[in-house]
Amino acid sequence: MTLRKKKKHDDNALREHSFDGIHEYDKRMPNWWLFTLYSSIAFAAAYWFVYFHPGGATTDIEHLNAEMARIEAANLADASGLSDEDLWKMTANPVLVADGKKTYDSICVACHGPNMEGGIGLPLIKNEWIHGGSPSALVTTVTVGVPEKGMQPWGPTLGSKKIAEVVAYILSKNNRETIQAEPSAG
């Protein structure tokens, strides 16, 4: 049995064909060039899998929407001079509502309950508001408190930004049409 010897490749050999009298060498591709080619193919496959496969990284649209919500939250959270309409807009911003829920869970839940059903304090999901149900009235109630009923003023402790976020969270759990703008007798 004879072993066939591997033919040595001659890099200086010319190819048999010519075009317009031009001959080309029969050389192999350089290793650095092949490495670059295969690396770019692997990168393209990984990029496709991460960005276009369901459950992968966030898309540009999702990232843009999240960033726009964060910017809007920063603009709306400056609670100085917020109108009722601005406070209602804050209820549509998930960043502000989530921040308001954190503050509510750490401070307000003790008196108003985890589901805003009331307890020591009054329920916050209802059709009647003793101290006014408009968003600006809620901000005033949280800021100055109701000392005669045992609610301390939270304005100095929380600040206007956190108060606006808590009010946005409370409003997000209520129906806009059922909230009364004027305080009821009680």
Foldseek 3Di string as FASTA:
>chain_A
DDDDDDDDDDQADWDPDDDPNHIDTPHDDDPVVVVVVVVVVVVVVVVCCQAVPPPHDDHPVVVVVLVVLVVLLVVLLPQVPDDLVSLLVLLVRPVLLVLLLVVCVVPVCVAQNNLQCGDLHHRLEDLADQQFQGLVSQLVCQQCPDVVSPTHHCCVPQPSSNSSSNSSNSVNSYDPVRGGGDHDHD
